């Protein structure tokens, strides 16, 4: 990516073995030649939101199909160059 915005969600396993989900949002700023010079962003712990989403899916009895919720969410959340 040369410049623009990006957003992604990913799973992280902490040293204690617990699983957490993070949401990262960032913007890339180019230098005068248009090359990426600086990236500013934030990571947010969205573990509780992901647990709630998973519970809703289970409560509705939706089939899991061929992909896991994390795989589907990661593909859906990748949004570069908005």
C-alpha atoms as a PDB file:
ATOM      1  CA  UNK A   1       0.000   0.000   0.000  1.00  0.00           C
ATOM      2  CA  UNK A   2       1.423   3.346  -0.962  1.00  0.00           C
ATOM      3  CA  UNK A   3      -1.001   5.615   0.871  1.00  0.00           C
ATOM      4  CA  UNK A   4      -4.517   5.582   2.215  1.00  0.00           C
ATOM      5  CA  UNK A   5      -6.444   3.929   5.009  1.00  0.00           C
ATOM      6  CA  UNK A   6      -6.581   0.322   6.112  1.00  0.00           C
ATOM      7  CA  UNK A   7      -8.586  -1.686   8.605  1.00  0.00           C
ATOM      8  CA  UNK A   8      -8.203  -5.298   9.712  1.00  0.00           C
ATOM      9  CA  UNK A   9      -9.248  -7.677  12.492  1.00  0.00           C
ATOM     10  CA  UNK A  10      -7.058 -10.475  13.764  1.00  0.00           C
ATOM     11  CA  UNK A  11      -6.851 -13.040  16.518  1.00  0.00           C
ATOM     12  CA  UNK A  12      -4.064 -12.893  19.105  1.00  0.00           C
ATOM     13  CA  UNK A  13      -3.130 -15.515  21.676  1.00  0.00           C
ATOM     14  CA  UNK A  14      -1.725 -13.882  24.800  1.00  0.00           C
ATOM     15  CA  UNK A  15       1.112 -15.457  26.826  1.00  0.00           C
ATOM     16  CA  UNK A  16      -1.446 -16.838  29.314  1.00  0.00           C
ATOM     17  CA  UNK A  17      -3.104 -18.760  26.452  1.00  0.00           C
ATOM     18  CA  UNK A  18      -6.256 -16.617  26.281  1.00  0.00           C
ATOM     19  CA  UNK A  19      -7.594 -15.695  22.851  1.00  0.00           C
ATOM     20  CA  UNK A  20      -8.267 -12.038  22.059  1.00  0.00           C
ATOM     21  CA  UNK A  21      -9.411 -10.179  18.959  1.00  0.00           C
ATOM     22  CA  UNK A  22      -7.959  -6.858  17.821  1.00  0.00           C
ATOM     23  CA  UNK A  23      -9.210  -4.274  15.350  1.00  0.00           C
ATOM     24  CA  UNK A  24      -6.512  -2.189  13.703  1.00  0.00           C
ATOM     25  CA  UNK A  25      -7.179   1.048  11.858  1.00  0.00           C
ATOM     26  CA  UNK A  26      -4.428   3.063  10.245  1.00  0.00           C
ATOM     27  CA  UNK A  27      -3.627   5.762   7.723  1.00  0.00           C
ATOM     28  CA  UNK A  28      -0.482   5.893   5.621  1.00  0.00           C
ATOM     29  CA  UNK A  29       0.992   9.278   4.732  1.00  0.00           C
ATOM     30  CA  UNK A  30       3.351   9.661   1.762  1.00  0.00           C
ATOM     31  CA  UNK A  31       6.462  11.802   1.488  1.00  0.00           C
ATOM     32  CA  UNK A  32       6.956  14.363  -1.277  1.00  0.00           C
ATOM     33  CA  UNK A  33       7.878  11.603  -3.752  1.00  0.00           C
ATOM     34  CA  UNK A  34       4.711   9.664  -2.937  1.00  0.00           C
ATOM     35  CA  UNK A  35       6.467   6.904  -1.007  1.00  0.00           C
ATOM     36  CA  UNK A  36       5.007   5.808   2.342  1.00  0.00           C
ATOM     37  CA  UNK A  37       6.692   7.870   5.022  1.00  0.00           C
ATOM     38  CA  UNK A  38       4.516   7.574   8.100  1.00  0.00           C
ATOM     39  CA  UNK A  39       1.760   5.355   9.390  1.00  0.00           C
ATOM     40  CA  UNK A  40      -0.558   6.415  12.193  1.00  0.00           C
ATOM     41  CA  UNK A  41      -3.074   4.052  13.695  1.00  0.00           C
ATOM     42  CA  UNK A  42      -4.695   2.377  16.630  1.00  0.00           C
ATOM     43  CA  UNK A  43      -5.387  -1.175  17.792  1.00  0.00           C
ATOM     44  CA  UNK A  44      -8.578  -1.824  19.754  1.00  0.00           C
ATOM     45  CA  UNK A  45      -9.410  -4.953  21.764  1.00  0.00           C
ATOM     46  CA  UNK A  46     -12.748  -6.149  20.330  1.00  0.00           C
ATOM     47  CA  UNK A  47     -12.821  -9.512  22.105  1.00  0.00           C
ATOM     48  CA  UNK A  48     -16.166  -8.911  23.837  1.00  0.00           C
ATOM     49  CA  UNK A  49     -17.795  -7.812  20.578  1.00  0.00           C
ATOM     50  CA  UNK A  50     -16.555 -10.953  18.820  1.00  0.00           C
ATOM     51  CA  UNK A  51     -17.851 -13.161  21.652  1.00  0.00           C
ATOM     52  CA  UNK A  52     -21.243 -11.470  21.363  1.00  0.00           C
ATOM     53  CA  UNK A  53     -21.296 -11.985  17.581  1.00  0.00           C
ATOM     54  CA  UNK A  54     -20.404 -15.656  17.986  1.00  0.00           C
ATOM     55  CA  UNK A  55     -23.166 -16.124  20.585  1.00  0.00           C
ATOM     56  CA  UNK A  56     -25.734 -14.546  18.254  1.00  0.00           C
ATOM     57  CA  UNK A  57     -24.739 -16.930  15.465  1.00  0.00           C
ATOM     58  CA  UNK A  58     -25.016 -19.926  17.779  1.00  0.00           C
ATOM     59  CA  UNK A  59     -28.350 -18.692  19.188  1.00  0.00           C
ATOM     60  CA  UNK A  60     -29.767 -18.356  15.655  1.00  0.00           C
ATOM     61  CA  UNK A  61     -28.580 -21.864  14.845  1.00  0.00           C
ATOM     62  CA  UNK A  62     -26.774 -20.766  11.696  1.00  0.00           C
ATOM     63  CA  UNK A  63     -24.692 -23.463  10.037  1.00  0.00           C
ATOM     64  CA  UNK A  64     -20.931 -22.997  10.135  1.00  0.00           C
ATOM     65  CA  UNK A  65     -20.489 -23.927   6.454  1.00  0.00           C
ATOM     66  CA  UNK A  66     -16.909 -24.337   5.246  1.00  0.00           C
ATOM     67  CA  UNK A  67     -15.383 -21.312   6.973  1.00  0.00           C
ATOM     68  CA  UNK A  68     -14.988 -20.454  10.621  1.00  0.00           C
ATOM     69  CA  UNK A  69     -16.301 -17.166  11.985  1.00  0.00           C
ATOM     70  CA  UNK A  70     -12.758 -15.768  12.348  1.00  0.00           C
ATOM     71  CA  UNK A  71     -11.954 -16.596   8.713  1.00  0.00           C
ATOM     72  CA  UNK A  72     -15.144 -14.974   7.453  1.00  0.00           C
ATOM     73  CA  UNK A  73     -14.746 -11.896   9.633  1.00  0.00           C
ATOM     74  CA  UNK A  74     -11.129 -11.404   8.636  1.00  0.00           C
ATOM     75  CA  UNK A  75     -11.948 -11.599   4.912  1.00  0.00           C
ATOM     76  CA  UNK A  76     -14.911  -9.261   5.342  1.00  0.00           C
ATOM     77  CA  UNK A  77     -13.033  -6.711   7.447  1.00  0.00           C
ATOM     78  CA  UNK A  78     -10.040  -6.256   5.153  1.00  0.00           C
ATOM     79  CA  UNK A  79     -10.718  -2.897   3.553  1.00  0.00           C
ATOM     80  CA  UNK A  80      -7.704  -1.140   2.067  1.00  0.00           C
ATOM     81  CA  UNK A  81      -7.487   2.192   0.330  1.00  0.00           C
ATOM     82  CA  UNK A  82     -10.872   3.539   1.388  1.00  0.00           C
END
